[in-house]
Amino acid sequence: MPNKKKTQNKPKTFCDRCHRVGHLARDCFTLMCDYCKRTGHDMADCRSFERDKKYIIDSARQYYRKYFANAVQSQGQPGTSSEISTEMSTLSTVGAYREYLTSPYKDVIEISTPELKGEKAKMMVSKNFPISMIKISTLKDDVTAAKEVLTLEDVFGAQIQTICLICLSIHINNKTVLHPCRVISDDFYVETDGIFGCDFIARAKIKDGKHVELAGVRIRFIPNERVRGVVRINELVDLSNEDSDSETLTESGSELNS
């Protein structure tokens, strides 16, 4: 019979990359996905990653369509695109109604996602904004996007329009958190790269002036970072395109310019 003590005490080399015994991470040449933690492929070819992103985008579209419809009906607001266009014909530009508010807290965090052109993006965490948004200049051209246009109106009557809907895959330590985010133009009046709104706050724990806790990981606010934020939004009107096919940001931009 083999000696059990010797078997148990025998040192085993464990790879932190592919989670297998017999070699170390420095000797591991196995391709591994950072999202599903499986070997044989990376995130670019991960079917689970693409499937989950599509689910997040579709869920966000369906939820907010119902939310907007109920909100408009309860407030007695017009429910068709033609009526909305008529009522908003007297609106001025966003710049004419621009209002700067100083954040009471150091509520700006940095995130890292593969959708970004750069390594990181600065995002303001705002309880005054209903949905998350990010400026189009911060994103890569090949990011998958769904056709969706939302029109927002602030308390001064300024009209803001989103471009499309994407799914951010936020990297936190060894975790990846998927979150829907609307794409906006670069002239949107906030000094950061984007905003995490109430939809983000609902799934994260916020400690004012200290940190955000997402998926059990703390993301500290940037020290001494105070920015001018957006005014409170008091109305959202959904003017979504019924076509739910996904496309890249390059295709979205070409349609907007045509």
Foldseek 3Di string as FASTA:
>chain_A
DDDPVCVVPPDWEADPQLGDIDDYVVPDPWDAALAPRHTDHYLVPDPVNVVVFLVQQVVVVVVVVVVQQVVCVVVVHDADPVSVCVVLVPPDACVVVFDWDKDPALFWFWWAFPQFPDGIWIAGEDALDAAKAFEPVGGDQFFKWWFFKKWFAAPVGHIFIFQTKGWTFTDDPSHTDIHIYTYGHPPPPWPTRIYHYPVNCVQWPDDTRFFIAHPNGTTGRDPPDMITDGHHTDHIHTPTDPDGDMGTNNVSVVVVVD
